[in-house]
N, C-alpha and C. Protein backbone atom coordinates (compact mmCIF):
# COMPACT_ATOMS: atom_id res chain seq x y z
N MET A 1 -45.21 -92.82 -89.14
CA MET A 1 -45.09 -92.51 -88.27
C MET A 1 -43.99 -91.39 -88.33
N GLN A 2 -43.20 -91.18 -89.68
CA GLN A 2 -42.59 -90.05 -90.01
C GLN A 2 -43.58 -88.81 -90.06
N GLY A 3 -44.32 -89.19 -91.01
CA GLY A 3 -45.56 -87.62 -91.26
C GLY A 3 -46.35 -87.15 -90.32
N SER A 4 -46.21 -88.12 -88.80
CA SER A 4 -46.90 -87.58 -87.45
C SER A 4 -45.98 -86.44 -86.97
N LEU A 5 -44.41 -86.54 -87.32
CA LEU A 5 -43.51 -85.77 -87.21
C LEU A 5 -43.40 -84.27 -87.48
N LYS A 6 -44.36 -83.19 -86.45
CA LYS A 6 -44.02 -81.44 -87.50
C LYS A 6 -43.56 -80.96 -87.01
N LYS A 7 -43.35 -79.90 -87.32
CA LYS A 7 -42.68 -78.51 -86.17
C LYS A 7 -43.29 -78.25 -85.55
N VAL A 8 -43.27 -77.15 -84.69
CA VAL A 8 -43.86 -76.71 -83.90
C VAL A 8 -44.59 -75.80 -84.37
N GLN A 9 -44.49 -75.21 -85.74
CA GLN A 9 -45.45 -73.74 -86.59
C GLN A 9 -46.31 -74.94 -86.66
N ASP A 10 -46.22 -75.89 -87.46
CA ASP A 10 -47.12 -76.60 -88.09
C ASP A 10 -48.06 -77.12 -87.17
N MET A 11 -47.58 -77.16 -85.97
CA MET A 11 -49.18 -76.96 -85.07
C MET A 11 -50.15 -76.08 -84.48
N LYS A 12 -51.05 -76.67 -84.11
CA LYS A 12 -52.06 -75.45 -83.81
C LYS A 12 -51.80 -75.46 -82.46
N ARG A 13 -51.72 -73.90 -81.72
CA ARG A 13 -51.14 -73.37 -80.95
C ARG A 13 -52.15 -73.84 -79.87
N TYR A 14 -52.45 -74.26 -78.88
CA TYR A 14 -53.68 -74.16 -77.95
C TYR A 14 -54.03 -73.45 -76.93
N LYS A 15 -55.15 -72.85 -77.17
CA LYS A 15 -55.54 -71.42 -77.14
C LYS A 15 -55.87 -71.31 -75.31
N GLY A 16 -55.35 -72.29 -74.28
CA GLY A 16 -55.78 -72.68 -72.64
C GLY A 16 -54.56 -72.66 -72.58
N SER A 17 -53.11 -72.16 -73.21
CA SER A 17 -51.62 -72.45 -72.29
C SER A 17 -51.83 -71.52 -71.66
N GLY A 18 -50.67 -71.83 -70.82
CA GLY A 18 -50.11 -70.69 -70.32
C GLY A 18 -49.52 -71.24 -69.58
N ASN A 19 -48.63 -70.79 -68.71
CA ASN A 19 -47.10 -71.15 -67.85
C ASN A 19 -46.96 -73.14 -67.71
N VAL A 20 -47.93 -73.41 -67.73
CA VAL A 20 -48.05 -74.98 -67.91
C VAL A 20 -49.30 -76.02 -68.60
N GLY A 21 -48.79 -77.18 -68.41
CA GLY A 21 -49.37 -77.92 -69.80
C GLY A 21 -48.70 -78.34 -70.69
N VAL A 22 -50.00 -78.38 -71.85
CA VAL A 22 -50.09 -78.36 -73.88
C VAL A 22 -50.12 -76.52 -73.61
N TYR A 23 -48.95 -76.88 -74.83
CA TYR A 23 -48.30 -75.60 -75.79
C TYR A 23 -49.71 -75.95 -77.10
N ALA A 24 -49.28 -76.77 -77.46
CA ALA A 24 -50.08 -77.45 -79.19
C ALA A 24 -49.89 -78.44 -78.82
N TYR A 25 -51.21 -78.56 -80.85
CA TYR A 25 -51.53 -80.48 -80.59
C TYR A 25 -51.52 -79.85 -82.19
N ASP A 26 -51.54 -81.34 -82.48
CA ASP A 26 -51.71 -81.01 -84.15
C ASP A 26 -52.25 -82.22 -84.02
N VAL A 27 -53.52 -82.74 -84.87
CA VAL A 27 -55.20 -84.22 -85.28
C VAL A 27 -54.43 -85.02 -85.92
N VAL A 28 -53.75 -85.55 -85.65
CA VAL A 28 -53.26 -87.07 -86.90
C VAL A 28 -54.72 -87.95 -87.02
N PRO A 29 -54.64 -89.38 -87.83
CA PRO A 29 -55.30 -90.22 -87.87
C PRO A 29 -55.43 -90.89 -86.59
N ASN A 30 -56.55 -90.88 -85.82
CA ASN A 30 -56.32 -92.11 -84.85
C ASN A 30 -56.59 -91.62 -83.92
N GLY A 31 -55.76 -90.41 -83.44
CA GLY A 31 -55.18 -89.58 -82.95
C GLY A 31 -54.44 -88.41 -82.42
N ILE A 32 -54.07 -87.72 -81.42
CA ILE A 32 -53.35 -86.41 -81.65
C ILE A 32 -52.19 -86.09 -81.00
N ILE A 33 -51.75 -85.53 -81.01
CA ILE A 33 -50.15 -85.08 -80.65
C ILE A 33 -50.12 -83.79 -80.05
N LEU A 34 -49.75 -83.90 -79.04
CA LEU A 34 -49.19 -83.21 -78.31
C LEU A 34 -48.21 -82.50 -77.77
N GLN A 35 -47.95 -81.29 -77.91
CA GLN A 35 -46.38 -80.46 -77.01
C GLN A 35 -46.84 -79.62 -76.43
N PHE A 36 -45.75 -80.23 -75.03
CA PHE A 36 -45.86 -79.64 -73.57
C PHE A 36 -45.24 -77.92 -73.61
N VAL A 37 -45.41 -77.38 -72.82
CA VAL A 37 -44.44 -76.22 -72.30
C VAL A 37 -43.23 -76.71 -72.84
N ASP A 38 -42.74 -77.71 -71.85
CA ASP A 38 -41.64 -77.83 -71.88
C ASP A 38 -40.84 -78.87 -72.58
N GLY A 39 -41.42 -78.70 -74.07
CA GLY A 39 -41.15 -78.66 -75.23
C GLY A 39 -41.21 -80.25 -75.81
N SER A 40 -41.36 -80.92 -74.92
CA SER A 40 -41.83 -82.30 -75.07
C SER A 40 -42.98 -82.60 -75.87
N LYS A 41 -42.95 -84.00 -76.81
CA LYS A 41 -44.48 -84.27 -77.84
C LYS A 41 -44.35 -85.61 -77.29
N TYR A 42 -45.68 -86.27 -76.77
CA TYR A 42 -46.34 -87.12 -77.22
C TYR A 42 -47.19 -87.48 -78.32
N LEU A 43 -47.15 -88.60 -78.19
CA LEU A 43 -48.46 -88.95 -79.56
C LEU A 43 -49.64 -90.23 -78.63
N TYR A 44 -51.10 -89.33 -78.75
CA TYR A 44 -51.60 -90.40 -78.09
C TYR A 44 -52.58 -90.76 -79.22
N ASP A 45 -53.45 -92.16 -79.09
CA ASP A 45 -53.82 -92.52 -80.55
C ASP A 45 -55.23 -93.41 -79.77
N SER A 46 -55.89 -94.34 -80.55
CA SER A 46 -56.47 -95.66 -79.88
C SER A 46 -56.31 -96.47 -79.42
N SER A 47 -54.95 -96.58 -79.86
CA SER A 47 -54.17 -97.51 -79.06
C SER A 47 -54.15 -97.21 -77.44
N ALA A 48 -53.50 -96.12 -77.42
CA ALA A 48 -52.90 -95.24 -75.64
C ALA A 48 -53.47 -94.37 -75.87
N PRO A 49 -54.21 -93.58 -75.16
CA PRO A 49 -55.41 -94.40 -74.05
C PRO A 49 -55.99 -94.54 -74.92
N GLY A 50 -56.83 -94.97 -75.92
CA GLY A 50 -57.51 -94.94 -76.07
C GLY A 50 -59.10 -94.26 -76.76
N LYS A 51 -59.96 -94.63 -77.10
CA LYS A 51 -60.96 -93.43 -78.74
C LYS A 51 -61.42 -93.00 -77.93
N THR A 52 -62.47 -93.53 -76.81
CA THR A 52 -62.90 -92.56 -75.93
C THR A 52 -61.81 -91.52 -75.62
N HIS A 53 -60.92 -91.55 -74.50
CA HIS A 53 -59.97 -90.37 -74.67
C HIS A 53 -60.03 -89.65 -75.03
N ILE A 54 -59.76 -90.10 -76.76
CA ILE A 54 -58.74 -89.08 -77.84
C ILE A 54 -60.25 -88.50 -78.32
N ARG A 55 -61.26 -88.81 -77.77
CA ARG A 55 -62.40 -87.79 -78.42
C ARG A 55 -62.52 -86.97 -77.60
N GLU A 56 -62.39 -87.04 -76.42
CA GLU A 56 -62.57 -85.58 -75.57
C GLU A 56 -61.19 -84.86 -75.64
N MET A 57 -60.37 -85.44 -75.75
CA MET A 57 -58.73 -84.87 -75.84
C MET A 57 -59.16 -83.79 -77.55
N LEU A 58 -59.88 -83.85 -77.95
CA LEU A 58 -59.75 -83.27 -79.49
C LEU A 58 -60.65 -82.22 -79.28
N ARG A 59 -62.01 -82.97 -78.32
CA ARG A 59 -63.25 -81.72 -78.19
C ARG A 59 -62.16 -80.67 -77.26
N LEU A 60 -61.65 -81.47 -76.51
CA LEU A 60 -60.96 -80.42 -75.48
C LEU A 60 -60.19 -79.04 -75.96
N ALA A 61 -59.59 -80.10 -76.85
CA ALA A 61 -58.21 -79.24 -77.98
C ALA A 61 -58.84 -78.38 -78.50
N GLU A 62 -59.57 -78.27 -79.38
CA GLU A 62 -60.57 -77.37 -80.17
C GLU A 62 -61.26 -76.61 -79.05
N LYS A 63 -61.51 -76.56 -78.23
CA LYS A 63 -62.40 -75.86 -76.86
C LYS A 63 -61.00 -75.59 -76.38
N GLY A 64 -60.37 -75.15 -76.54
CA GLY A 64 -59.59 -74.23 -76.40
C GLY A 64 -59.20 -74.00 -75.03
N GLN A 65 -59.92 -75.40 -74.21
CA GLN A 65 -59.96 -74.86 -71.94
C GLN A 65 -60.69 -76.99 -71.45
N GLY A 66 -59.51 -76.70 -70.57
CA GLY A 66 -59.95 -78.41 -70.16
C GLY A 66 -58.85 -79.51 -70.30
N LEU A 67 -57.75 -79.34 -71.09
CA LEU A 67 -56.94 -80.05 -72.23
C LEU A 67 -56.27 -80.39 -70.77
N THR A 68 -55.39 -80.01 -70.23
CA THR A 68 -54.37 -80.36 -69.54
C THR A 68 -54.85 -80.54 -68.69
N THR A 69 -55.98 -80.26 -67.78
CA THR A 69 -56.09 -81.02 -66.34
C THR A 69 -56.80 -82.62 -66.53
N TYR A 70 -57.47 -82.00 -68.04
CA TYR A 70 -58.01 -83.78 -68.20
C TYR A 70 -56.86 -84.84 -68.38
N ILE A 71 -56.10 -84.32 -69.21
CA ILE A 71 -55.07 -85.28 -69.14
C ILE A 71 -54.60 -86.15 -67.95
N ASN A 72 -54.19 -84.55 -66.35
CA ASN A 72 -53.11 -84.92 -65.56
C ASN A 72 -54.24 -85.75 -64.40
N GLN A 73 -55.79 -85.73 -64.77
CA GLN A 73 -56.79 -86.94 -64.32
C GLN A 73 -57.09 -87.85 -65.02
N HIS A 74 -56.61 -87.87 -66.65
CA HIS A 74 -57.39 -89.15 -67.09
C HIS A 74 -56.15 -89.98 -67.54
N VAL A 75 -55.35 -89.79 -67.77
CA VAL A 75 -54.45 -90.11 -68.81
C VAL A 75 -52.89 -89.91 -68.68
N ARG A 76 -52.60 -89.33 -68.12
CA ARG A 76 -51.12 -89.32 -67.55
C ARG A 76 -50.24 -89.77 -68.42
N GLY A 77 -49.83 -91.03 -67.96
CA GLY A 77 -48.64 -91.58 -68.99
C GLY A 77 -48.99 -92.25 -69.98
N ASN A 78 -50.33 -92.62 -70.39
CA ASN A 78 -51.08 -93.46 -71.12
C ASN A 78 -51.33 -93.09 -72.57
N TYR A 79 -49.70 -92.65 -73.05
CA TYR A 79 -49.76 -92.58 -74.51
C TYR A 79 -49.11 -93.76 -75.47
N LYS A 80 -49.25 -93.36 -76.54
CA LYS A 80 -48.31 -94.41 -77.48
C LYS A 80 -47.10 -94.10 -77.44
N THR A 81 -46.59 -93.18 -77.28
CA THR A 81 -45.23 -92.63 -77.69
C THR A 81 -44.41 -91.64 -77.14
N ARG A 82 -43.30 -91.11 -77.48
CA ARG A 82 -42.86 -89.62 -76.78
C ARG A 82 -42.39 -89.64 -78.02
N LEU A 83 -42.30 -88.47 -78.35
CA LEU A 83 -41.44 -88.47 -80.47
C LEU A 83 -40.29 -87.29 -79.70
N ASN A 84 -39.66 -87.18 -78.83
CA ASN A 84 -38.36 -86.36 -78.77
C ASN A 84 -37.88 -86.96 -77.92
């Protein structure tokens, strides 16, 4: 887990960011770390919310569109751990 904790500047800025939702992300083995505009960071991986959701979250993160909506509709609180 130690290697998963990164500073914001090391994370990739999510292009779809506005005033709400996902601010930045980082791809990690078997998952993704998301930082939200309120500063909170969460690890999502193959155990929570699962491989299917992780694949879609990674696709949307790279696309820069739809990730916040996807999380709100399909994932919500189903994350591996809160990092801060």
